[in-house]
Amino acid sequence: MFVAHRGGAGDGLENSLSCIERSIRMGVDAVEVDARLTADGHVVVCHDATVNATTNGRGRVAKLTLQQVQALRMVDSNGVATNESIPTLKQVLRLVGGRCGVLVDVKEGGRGMEEKLIEDIAACGADDWVAVQAFSDDVLSRLRELGAPFPLEKLIVFKLPFLPFIYDGSLRCFSFEKYSYISSFNFHRNCLPRSLAAKIKARGKCVKVWTLRSPADAPRVAVDGVIADNPSLWLK
């Protein structure tokens, strides 16, 4: 499957409604978007911890209210303000409406993020076509504890060869028993050996690679999906 990274950021404004709509019309299997919580407890779609790089404002998402976040204008690659604002997760889900899948990347857990995610996804009737991924074991295990009805996917940079450890920003113990509830293991594109991909698939799990710039970056490994920026390159 092809998953449009940050909504298809290589072809438009990352994580914007217009970019997501363009990717859907190109025929992607899913769009990947990033989730953060505002100061007043709303899930918004923003990759960075701050709004500095993608809008005409400044500040940490976690310190801004939804009203403050959405008062800002998203900027293009030249820094010019557009008529778009950072969307909420609900706005994204309502736009998609099941026309493709949505892979939600939780950038930071806690403060009720996991509860709010489940609530927002359910409110949009999206349980059947949404999956949630995270580097954080705390986020994934909390979603599991809460009985999240959608698939949970584990982001991994690499696994140490011959040792039961993975790196996901921290060094962690790894076993298939520990991650029995995970539906897909999503690895950095340069860090997935064929033997490990085969072991994952033999366990009935999926495996994806991220973040690919072009088909030329694709590793020679049998995977179930690629997460990439440019739908226009991949879907030809």
Protein backbone atom coordinates (compact mmCIF):
# COMPACT_ATOMS: atom_id res chain seq x y z
CA MET A 1 0.00 0.00 0.00
CA PHE A 2 1.06 3.58 -0.58
CA VAL A 3 0.78 5.95 2.40
CA ALA A 4 1.14 9.68 1.73
CA HIS A 5 3.52 11.03 4.39
CA ARG A 6 2.26 14.18 6.16
CA GLY A 7 -0.70 14.05 3.80
CA GLY A 8 1.57 13.99 0.74
CA ALA A 9 3.91 16.81 1.70
CA GLY A 10 6.02 16.50 -1.42
CA ASP A 11 3.08 17.69 -3.49
CA GLY A 12 1.62 20.41 -1.24
CA LEU A 13 1.43 21.96 2.24
CA GLU A 14 2.26 19.26 4.75
CA ASN A 15 -0.68 18.04 6.86
CA SER A 16 -3.05 20.51 5.18
CA LEU A 17 -6.58 19.75 4.05
CA SER A 18 -5.75 20.71 0.46
CA CYS A 19 -2.74 18.40 0.40
CA ILE A 20 -4.74 15.51 1.82
CA GLU A 21 -7.53 16.03 -0.71
CA ARG A 22 -5.01 16.08 -3.56
CA SER A 23 -3.47 12.81 -2.36
CA ILE A 24 -6.87 11.14 -2.12
CA ARG A 25 -7.71 12.17 -5.67
CA MET A 26 -4.38 10.75 -6.86
CA GLY A 27 -5.45 7.38 -5.49
CA VAL A 28 -3.37 6.82 -2.34
CA ASP A 29 -4.26 3.90 -0.10
CA ALA A 30 -3.86 6.03 3.03
CA VAL A 31 -2.68 9.40 4.25
CA GLU A 32 -0.37 9.72 7.25
CA VAL A 33 -0.90 12.75 9.49
CA ASP A 34 0.72 13.91 12.73
CA ALA A 35 -1.23 14.46 15.93
CA ARG A 36 -0.53 16.86 18.80
CA LEU A 37 -2.66 18.19 21.65
CA THR A 38 -3.36 21.89 22.14
CA ALA A 39 -3.31 23.59 25.53
CA ASP A 40 -7.10 23.26 25.77
CA GLY A 41 -7.18 19.58 24.82
CA HIS A 42 -7.92 19.47 21.09
CA VAL A 43 -6.10 17.10 18.72
CA VAL A 44 -4.58 19.06 15.84
CA VAL A 45 -2.57 17.86 12.86
CA CYS A 46 0.95 19.25 13.13
CA HIS A 47 4.30 17.47 12.87
CA ASP A 48 6.58 19.83 14.82
CA ALA A 49 6.27 20.66 18.50
CA THR A 50 6.00 24.32 17.44
CA VAL A 51 4.05 26.15 14.74
CA ASN A 52 7.15 28.14 13.75
CA ALA A 53 8.09 26.29 10.56
CA THR A 54 4.65 25.78 9.01
CA THR A 55 2.71 28.94 9.92
CA ASN A 56 3.12 32.70 10.16
CA GLY A 57 3.13 32.45 13.96
CA ARG A 58 5.32 31.16 16.74
CA GLY A 59 4.86 29.03 19.82
CA ARG A 60 4.51 25.48 21.07
CA VAL A 61 1.33 23.67 20.06
CA ALA A 62 0.97 22.40 23.64
CA LYS A 63 0.97 26.00 24.94
CA LEU A 64 -1.53 27.39 22.41
CA THR A 65 -5.31 27.04 22.44
CA LEU A 66 -7.16 25.71 19.42
CA GLN A 67 -8.41 29.20 18.66
CA GLN A 68 -4.85 30.55 18.70
CA VAL A 69 -3.55 27.72 16.50
CA GLN A 70 -6.28 28.08 13.91
CA ALA A 71 -5.95 31.86 13.79
CA LEU A 72 -2.52 31.35 12.21
CA ARG A 73 -2.03 30.87 8.45
CA MET A 74 0.00 28.02 7.04
CA VAL A 75 2.90 29.16 4.86
CA ASP A 76 4.19 27.71 1.60
CA SER A 77 7.77 26.68 0.83
CA ASN A 78 8.65 30.35 0.23
CA GLY A 79 7.27 31.42 3.60
CA VAL A 80 4.23 33.10 2.04
CA ALA A 81 1.03 32.87 4.07
CA THR A 82 -1.82 30.88 2.51
CA ASN A 83 -5.52 30.81 3.33
CA GLU A 84 -5.16 27.49 5.18
CA SER A 85 -4.85 26.86 8.89
CA ILE A 86 -3.64 23.84 10.86
CA PRO A 87 -6.60 21.43 10.86
CA THR A 88 -7.96 19.42 13.73
CA LEU A 89 -7.90 15.64 13.48
CA LYS A 90 -11.69 15.72 13.25
CA GLN A 91 -11.52 18.04 10.24
CA VAL A 92 -9.11 15.64 8.54
CA LEU A 93 -11.23 12.59 9.28
CA ARG A 94 -14.40 14.28 8.07
CA LEU A 95 -12.64 15.34 4.87
CA VAL A 96 -11.36 11.82 4.21
CA GLY A 97 -14.67 10.20 5.05
CA GLY A 98 -13.38 6.69 4.42
CA ARG A 99 -12.25 7.40 0.86
CA CYS A 100 -8.85 6.05 1.91
CA GLY A 101 -7.20 5.00 5.14
CA VAL A 102 -5.69 7.39 7.68
CA LEU A 103 -2.52 6.60 9.63
CA VAL A 104 -2.29 8.89 12.66
CA ASP A 105 1.24 9.43 13.97
CA VAL A 106 1.06 10.43 17.65
CA LYS A 107 4.00 12.75 18.27
CA GLU A 108 3.47 13.16 22.01
CA GLY A 109 1.27 11.28 24.46
CA GLY A 110 -0.13 12.08 27.86
CA ARG A 111 -2.38 14.94 28.99
CA GLY A 112 -5.37 12.88 27.83
CA MET A 113 -4.13 12.53 24.25
CA GLU A 114 -4.92 8.82 24.03
CA GLU A 115 -8.45 9.24 25.38
CA LYS A 116 -9.09 12.18 23.06
CA LEU A 117 -7.81 10.25 20.04
CA ILE A 118 -10.24 7.41 20.65
CA GLU A 119 -13.05 9.91 21.20
CA ASP A 120 -12.36 11.91 18.02
CA ILE A 121 -11.94 8.84 15.82
CA ALA A 122 -15.19 7.35 17.14
CA ALA A 123 -17.04 10.66 16.70
CA CYS A 124 -16.13 10.61 12.99
CA GLY A 125 -17.12 6.96 12.53
CA ALA A 126 -13.56 6.22 11.46
CA ASP A 127 -12.68 3.14 13.56
CA ASP A 128 -12.70 0.88 10.50
CA TRP A 129 -10.31 2.93 8.34
CA VAL A 130 -7.92 4.54 10.83
CA ALA A 131 -4.73 3.14 12.33
CA VAL A 132 -2.46 4.81 14.90
CA GLN A 133 1.33 4.63 14.95
CA ALA A 134 3.89 5.92 17.46
CA PHE A 135 7.50 5.56 18.50
CA SER A 136 6.35 5.70 22.11
CA ASP A 137 5.54 2.41 23.82
CA ASP A 138 3.66 4.41 26.47
CA VAL A 139 1.27 5.80 23.87
CA LEU A 140 0.65 2.43 22.24
CA SER A 141 0.21 0.52 25.51
CA ARG A 142 -2.15 3.20 26.85
CA LEU A 143 -4.29 2.98 23.73
CA ARG A 144 -4.36 -0.77 24.16
CA GLU A 145 -5.39 -0.43 27.82
CA LEU A 146 -8.21 1.87 26.77
CA GLY A 147 -9.48 -0.75 24.31
CA ALA A 148 -8.74 1.21 21.13
CA PRO A 149 -10.75 -0.51 18.36
CA PHE A 150 -8.35 0.44 15.57
CA PRO A 151 -4.96 -1.11 14.62
CA LEU A 152 -1.83 0.02 16.46
CA GLU A 153 1.50 0.27 14.61
CA LYS A 154 5.01 0.54 16.07
CA LEU A 155 7.54 2.98 14.61
CA ILE A 156 11.13 1.72 14.75
CA VAL A 157 14.35 3.19 13.43
CA PHE A 158 16.33 -0.07 13.51
CA LYS A 159 16.83 -3.37 15.32
CA LEU A 160 20.27 -4.33 16.54
CA PRO A 161 21.51 -7.40 14.64
CA PHE A 162 21.59 -10.61 16.69
CA LEU A 163 20.38 -8.78 19.82
CA PRO A 164 16.84 -8.33 21.21
CA PHE A 165 16.94 -4.54 21.13
CA ILE A 166 15.41 -1.85 18.93
CA TYR A 167 16.05 1.86 18.67
CA ASP A 168 13.02 4.16 18.45
CA GLY A 169 14.60 7.26 19.95
CA SER A 170 15.58 5.15 22.92
CA LEU A 171 17.07 1.68 23.16
CA ARG A 172 14.35 -0.85 24.11
CA CYS A 173 14.01 -4.57 24.55
CA PHE A 174 12.22 -6.21 21.65
CA SER A 175 10.24 -9.40 21.35
CA PHE A 176 7.21 -10.42 19.36
CA GLU A 177 5.50 -11.39 22.61
CA LYS A 178 5.99 -7.89 24.02
CA TYR A 179 4.45 -6.37 20.89
CA SER A 180 1.84 -9.06 20.26
CA TYR A 181 -0.88 -6.42 19.94
CA ILE A 182 0.95 -4.48 17.22
CA SER A 183 -0.43 -4.95 13.69
CA SER A 184 2.45 -3.39 11.73
CA PHE A 185 6.11 -2.63 12.41
CA ASN A 186 7.19 0.48 10.51
CA PHE A 187 10.95 0.84 9.96
CA HIS A 188 13.28 3.48 8.59
CA ARG A 189 13.82 2.74 4.91
CA ASN A 190 17.55 1.99 5.28
CA CYS A 191 17.30 -0.16 8.38
CA LEU A 192 15.19 -3.20 7.51
CA PRO A 193 17.07 -6.37 6.53
CA ARG A 194 15.24 -8.98 4.49
CA SER A 195 15.55 -11.59 7.21
CA LEU A 196 13.79 -9.39 9.78
CA ALA A 197 11.02 -8.45 7.35
CA ALA A 198 10.46 -12.14 6.67
CA LYS A 199 10.28 -12.93 10.41
CA ILE A 200 7.72 -10.17 10.95
CA LYS A 201 5.55 -11.39 8.10
CA ALA A 202 5.84 -14.99 9.28
CA ARG A 203 4.26 -13.82 12.54
CA GLY A 204 1.25 -12.55 10.60
CA LYS A 205 2.25 -8.91 11.08
CA CYS A 206 2.64 -6.22 8.44
CA VAL A 207 5.79 -4.23 7.79
CA LYS A 208 6.14 -0.78 6.25
CA VAL A 209 9.11 1.47 5.52
CA TRP A 210 9.46 5.26 5.91
CA THR A 211 10.13 7.93 4.67
CA LEU A 212 10.84 7.40 1.00
CA ARG A 213 11.54 10.34 -1.31
CA SER A 214 11.17 8.49 -4.61
CA PRO A 215 10.83 4.93 -5.95
CA ALA A 216 14.62 4.92 -6.37
CA ASP A 217 14.88 4.93 -2.54
CA ALA A 218 12.88 1.73 -2.18
CA PRO A 219 14.84 -1.04 -0.44
CA ARG A 220 14.91 -4.49 -2.03
CA VAL A 221 12.79 -5.93 0.73
CA ALA A 222 9.31 -7.42 0.55
CA VAL A 223 7.10 -5.04 2.53
CA ASP A 224 3.38 -4.37 2.85
CA GLY A 225 3.58 -0.61 2.47
CA VAL A 226 5.69 2.45 1.84
CA ILE A 227 5.27 5.80 3.57
CA ALA A 228 6.48 8.51 1.19
CA ASP A 229 6.16 12.22 0.50
CA ASN A 230 5.35 12.31 -3.22
CA PRO A 231 2.23 10.46 -4.39
CA SER A 232 2.75 11.98 -7.84
CA LEU A 233 6.02 10.01 -8.23
CA TRP A 234 4.81 6.72 -6.81
CA LEU A 235 1.37 6.44 -8.35
CA LYS A 236 2.42 6.79 -11.99
